[in-house]
Protein backbone atom coordinates (compact mmCIF):
# COMPACT_ATOMS: atom_id res chain seq x y z
CA MET A 1 102.31 118.82 93.46
CA SER A 2 101.82 118.01 89.77
CA ILE A 3 104.72 117.25 87.45
CA GLN A 4 104.00 120.46 85.47
CA SER A 5 104.26 122.57 88.71
CA GLN A 6 107.48 120.90 89.67
CA LYS A 7 108.84 121.62 86.21
CA ALA A 8 107.87 125.35 86.42
CA ILE A 9 109.63 125.75 89.83
CA LEU A 10 112.86 124.07 88.44
CA GLU A 11 112.83 125.98 85.13
CA ASN A 12 112.46 129.25 86.95
CA TYR A 13 115.41 128.24 89.23
CA ALA A 14 117.57 127.33 86.41
CA LYS A 15 116.84 130.60 84.52
CA SER A 16 117.60 132.79 87.55
CA ALA A 17 120.79 130.87 88.00
CA GLY A 18 121.75 131.38 84.30
CA ILE A 19 121.44 127.70 83.49
CA VAL A 20 120.41 126.93 79.99
CA ASN A 21 121.66 123.36 79.25
CA TYR A 22 119.29 121.18 81.22
CA ASP A 23 117.02 118.23 80.85
CA PHE A 24 114.28 116.56 82.97
CA TYR A 25 114.13 112.97 84.42
CA ILE A 26 110.54 112.23 85.34
CA ASP A 27 109.28 109.20 87.17
CA ASP A 28 105.53 109.76 87.37
CA GLY A 29 103.58 107.44 89.59
CA TYR A 30 106.66 105.86 91.40
CA SER A 31 107.12 105.87 95.15
CA GLY A 32 110.04 107.81 96.45
CA THR A 33 111.06 104.92 98.59
CA ASN A 34 111.88 103.15 95.31
CA PHE A 35 115.36 104.07 93.92
CA ASN A 36 114.88 101.66 90.95
CA ARG A 37 112.76 104.20 89.07
CA PRO A 38 113.51 104.05 85.40
CA SER A 39 114.32 107.71 84.85
CA PHE A 40 116.28 107.91 88.13
CA GLN A 41 118.41 105.02 87.10
CA ARG A 42 118.90 106.53 83.66
CA MET A 43 120.14 109.80 85.44
CA ILE A 44 122.57 107.69 87.64
CA ALA A 45 123.97 106.17 84.47
CA ASP A 46 124.54 109.57 82.86
CA ILE A 47 126.30 110.74 85.96
CA GLU A 48 128.60 107.82 85.83
CA ASP A 49 129.24 108.56 82.11
CA GLY A 50 130.16 112.07 83.10
CA LYS A 51 127.21 113.75 81.34
CA VAL A 52 125.91 115.46 84.54
CA SER A 53 127.49 118.20 86.57
CA CYS A 54 124.47 119.28 88.72
CA VAL A 55 121.31 117.63 89.96
CA ILE A 56 118.38 119.91 91.10
CA THR A 57 115.10 118.74 92.75
CA LYS A 58 112.08 120.76 93.98
CA ASP A 59 112.93 119.34 97.53
CA LEU A 60 114.69 116.37 99.19
CA SER A 61 111.79 114.10 98.88
CA ARG A 62 111.78 114.39 95.15
CA LEU A 63 115.24 112.55 95.25
CA GLY A 64 113.86 109.87 97.44
CA ARG A 65 112.09 109.06 100.76
CA ASN A 66 114.57 106.48 102.10
CA TYR A 67 116.99 108.51 104.26
CA LEU A 68 119.88 106.00 104.13
CA GLU A 69 119.83 105.83 100.36
CA SER A 70 119.27 109.36 99.82
CA GLY A 71 122.09 110.24 102.17
CA ALA A 72 124.37 107.90 100.25
CA TYR A 73 123.63 109.62 97.03
CA ILE A 74 123.96 113.21 98.47
CA GLU A 75 127.03 112.48 100.73
CA VAL A 76 128.80 109.86 98.75
CA PHE A 77 127.71 109.18 95.18
CA PHE A 78 127.33 112.94 93.99
CA PRO A 79 130.68 114.12 95.50
CA LYS A 80 132.52 111.05 94.10
CA HIS A 81 131.36 112.05 90.63
CA LYS A 82 131.76 115.90 91.27
CA VAL A 83 128.14 116.47 90.98
CA ARG A 84 126.52 119.55 92.71
CA TYR A 85 123.16 118.75 94.31
CA ILE A 86 120.58 121.34 95.05
CA ALA A 87 117.09 120.88 96.62
CA VAL A 88 115.27 124.23 95.92
CA ASN A 89 112.61 124.37 98.57
CA ASP A 90 114.71 122.96 101.30
CA GLY A 91 117.56 125.34 100.77
CA VAL A 92 120.07 122.56 100.18
CA ASP A 93 123.12 123.15 98.05
CA SER A 94 126.14 120.67 98.35
CA MET A 95 128.45 123.65 97.71
CA SER A 96 127.44 125.08 100.96
CA ALA A 97 128.31 122.85 103.92
CA ALA A 98 125.90 124.66 106.21
CA GLY A 99 123.06 123.79 103.90
CA LEU A 100 123.91 120.07 104.27
CA ASP A 101 123.89 120.06 108.14
CA ILE A 102 120.07 119.64 108.45
CA THR A 103 119.74 117.36 105.31
CA PRO A 104 119.96 114.03 107.15
CA PHE A 105 117.20 114.93 109.55
CA LYS A 106 114.97 116.11 106.73
CA ASN A 107 115.50 112.89 104.92
CA ILE A 108 114.46 110.97 108.10
CA LEU A 109 111.33 113.04 108.30
CA ASN A 110 110.56 112.40 104.61
CA GLU A 111 110.95 108.59 105.10
CA PHE A 112 108.61 108.72 108.13
CA TYR A 113 106.15 110.72 106.27
CA SER A 114 106.20 108.08 103.47
CA ARG A 115 105.66 105.22 105.96
CA ASP A 116 102.76 107.19 107.64
CA ILE A 117 101.02 107.66 104.37
CA ALA A 118 101.38 104.07 103.36
CA LYS A 119 100.04 103.05 106.74
CA LYS A 120 97.10 105.37 106.29
CA VAL A 121 96.44 104.13 102.76
CA LYS A 122 96.41 100.50 104.02
CA THR A 123 94.19 101.24 106.93
CA GLY A 124 91.80 103.09 104.60
CA LYS A 125 91.50 99.97 102.39
CA HIS A 126 90.95 97.69 105.34
CA ILE A 127 88.14 99.96 106.66
CA ARG A 128 86.55 100.13 103.18
CA ALA A 129 86.76 96.39 102.83
CA ALA A 130 85.34 95.74 106.30
CA SER A 131 82.34 97.98 105.37
CA GLY A 132 81.61 95.72 102.42
CA LYS A 133 83.45 97.57 99.65
CA TYR A 134 85.04 95.47 97.02
CA MET A 135 88.65 96.57 96.62
CA SER A 136 90.04 94.47 93.81
CA THR A 137 90.74 95.69 90.31
CA HIS A 138 88.64 93.06 88.51
CA ALA A 139 85.26 91.63 89.41
CA PRO A 140 85.33 87.92 90.11
CA PHE A 141 83.71 85.52 87.51
CA GLY A 142 79.95 85.82 87.84
CA PHE A 143 80.11 89.50 88.74
CA ILE A 144 80.53 92.94 87.11
CA LYS A 145 81.41 96.05 88.66
CA ASP A 146 78.47 98.58 89.37
CA PRO A 147 79.09 101.41 86.89
CA ASN A 148 77.82 103.90 89.58
CA ASP A 149 80.09 102.52 92.36
CA ARG A 150 83.41 100.64 91.35
CA ASN A 151 83.58 99.18 94.97
CA HIS A 152 80.27 97.54 94.49
CA LEU A 153 79.55 94.26 92.62
CA LEU A 154 76.44 93.28 90.60
CA ILE A 155 75.62 89.87 89.45
CA ASP A 156 76.47 89.31 85.85
CA GLU A 157 73.59 87.65 84.13
CA ASN A 158 75.79 86.42 81.24
CA THR A 159 78.16 84.44 83.48
CA ALA A 160 76.21 83.79 86.67
CA PRO A 161 74.34 80.81 85.25
CA THR A 162 77.60 79.09 84.73
CA VAL A 163 78.61 79.69 88.28
CA ARG A 164 75.27 78.20 89.49
CA ARG A 165 75.83 75.19 87.21
CA ILE A 166 79.22 74.58 88.75
CA PHE A 167 77.87 74.73 92.33
CA ASP A 168 74.90 72.45 91.44
CA LEU A 169 77.31 69.84 90.11
CA ALA A 170 79.49 70.34 93.13
CA LEU A 171 76.52 69.76 95.45
CA ASP A 172 75.67 66.58 93.54
CA GLY A 173 79.01 65.27 94.73
CA MET A 174 81.01 65.56 91.52
CA GLY A 175 84.65 66.35 91.58
CA ASN A 176 86.33 69.31 89.84
CA ASN A 177 87.79 67.31 87.01
CA ARG A 178 84.40 65.74 86.22
CA ILE A 179 82.74 69.24 86.46
CA SER A 180 85.21 70.59 84.00
CA LYS A 181 84.43 67.80 81.43
CA ILE A 182 80.67 68.43 81.75
CA LEU A 183 81.13 72.05 81.26
CA GLN A 184 83.25 71.34 78.09
CA LYS A 185 80.52 69.00 76.81
CA GLU A 186 77.74 71.53 77.46
CA ARG A 187 79.90 74.17 75.60
CA LEU A 188 79.84 76.73 78.34
CA PRO A 189 82.59 79.47 77.83
CA ARG A 190 85.30 79.60 80.48
CA PRO A 191 86.17 82.82 82.32
CA ALA A 192 89.01 83.84 79.93
CA TYR A 193 86.44 83.95 77.08
CA TYR A 194 84.89 86.91 78.66
CA LYS A 195 88.21 88.74 79.35
CA GLN A 196 89.65 88.58 75.79
CA GLU A 197 88.99 92.13 74.95
CA HIS A 198 90.13 93.46 78.31
CA PHE A 199 93.47 91.85 78.23
CA GLY A 200 94.14 91.93 74.49
CA GLN A 201 94.53 88.29 74.29
CA TYR A 202 92.40 86.20 71.83
CA PHE A 203 91.90 82.53 71.22
CA GLU A 204 93.29 81.32 67.98
CA ASP A 205 91.18 78.04 68.38
CA VAL A 206 87.47 78.34 69.08
CA GLU A 207 87.77 75.19 71.09
CA GLY A 208 89.86 77.26 73.59
CA TYR A 209 86.57 78.96 74.68
CA TYR A 210 85.46 75.68 76.38
CA ASP A 211 88.83 74.40 77.73
CA TRP A 212 87.82 74.14 81.35
CA THR A 213 90.21 72.67 83.81
CA LYS A 214 89.82 71.48 87.37
CA ASN A 215 91.99 74.37 88.58
CA ILE A 216 89.51 76.86 87.06
CA ILE A 217 86.76 74.98 88.81
CA THR A 218 88.60 75.03 92.08
CA ARG A 219 89.17 78.74 91.96
CA ILE A 220 85.50 79.55 91.39
CA LEU A 221 84.37 77.28 94.14
CA ARG A 222 86.84 78.98 96.53
CA ILE A 223 85.56 82.46 95.76
CA ARG A 224 83.58 83.64 98.73
CA PHE A 225 81.58 86.19 96.65
CA THR A 226 79.93 83.36 94.76
CA ARG A 227 77.67 82.59 97.56
CA GLY A 228 75.92 85.91 96.50
CA ILE A 229 75.05 84.23 93.26
CA CYS A 230 74.10 80.84 94.58
CA GLY A 231 72.57 82.02 97.74
CA PHE A 232 71.90 79.45 100.54
CA ILE A 233 71.35 76.18 98.56
CA GLN A 234 69.52 73.40 100.26
CA ARG A 235 68.84 69.88 98.82
CA GLN A 236 67.16 66.99 100.43
CA LYS A 237 70.22 64.83 100.22
CA HIS A 238 72.62 67.54 101.20
CA HIS A 239 72.92 69.78 104.30
CA LEU A 240 72.46 73.54 104.16
CA ILE A 241 75.70 74.98 102.70
CA GLN A 242 76.04 78.63 103.63
CA ASN A 243 79.62 79.69 102.62
CA GLN A 244 82.62 78.56 100.60
CA GLU A 245 84.37 76.92 103.45
CA ASP A 246 81.32 74.56 103.99
CA ILE A 247 81.56 73.78 100.17
CA SER A 248 85.27 72.93 100.26
CA ALA A 249 84.64 70.69 103.35
CA HIS A 250 81.68 69.13 101.65
CA MET A 251 83.68 68.20 98.55
CA SER A 252 86.65 67.26 100.68
CA ALA A 253 87.23 67.31 97.47
CA LYS A 254 118.33 113.90 85.17
CA SER A 255 124.53 119.32 81.35
CA LEU A 256 121.67 119.57 84.44
CA LYS A 257 119.47 116.69 85.31
CA ILE A 258 116.27 117.15 87.29
CA PRO A 259 114.53 114.15 88.74
CA MET A 260 110.89 114.40 89.53
CA ARG A 261 108.12 112.08 90.55
CA GLY A 262 104.34 112.43 90.59
């Protein structure tokens, strides 16, 4: 349910209860298993400062999905600070003992639900990756993301020649440090040069464009995707190298506060 929908439910409840002095604490995009959510912690601080007399959520899961911590807040923290807690859709009201009897069980179910969702998301990612889908946020050096499919990589013709050059030098038996010096001499921009605009970080010194290090070379040679750029390279003086492991071996080298989440 969207944040706006949650706000509408809570505002309607507040109006029906004659409550006019209220505020919202919104943690959009945070997991309910995380109680270090910024707005949630701000609400806790306000409770400790005596600014809050009642906390209302759409349901128990909006407070949190860890049944131990949720229970600690509902049964210990809120009563200690004389704060009334209401979960509208679950019929929970700390002023009614009967309403709290089922609360621990609902909190346990909420935590199990969160774990189940996390497991399904993780499984889904594994399945997509196993089917050849690229799951990382950024494309590795030498590639760009397909504009028509963000889980598919295309060779970046601007940077692929540099990757090929690195592999050629590696296959000639050169170490990573020597390769970095050659790339500097040939004035080939390093990966960070192409990411300046994306990360909002720019070089003050133009020479920084070509400041290759052996660590950068190592990372590129260890990326398994680069074999898609270099293909199966065969030289008369070198054996057929088909993947990155072979290359590495070869080189040896919420007054009323209303917490909500999205």
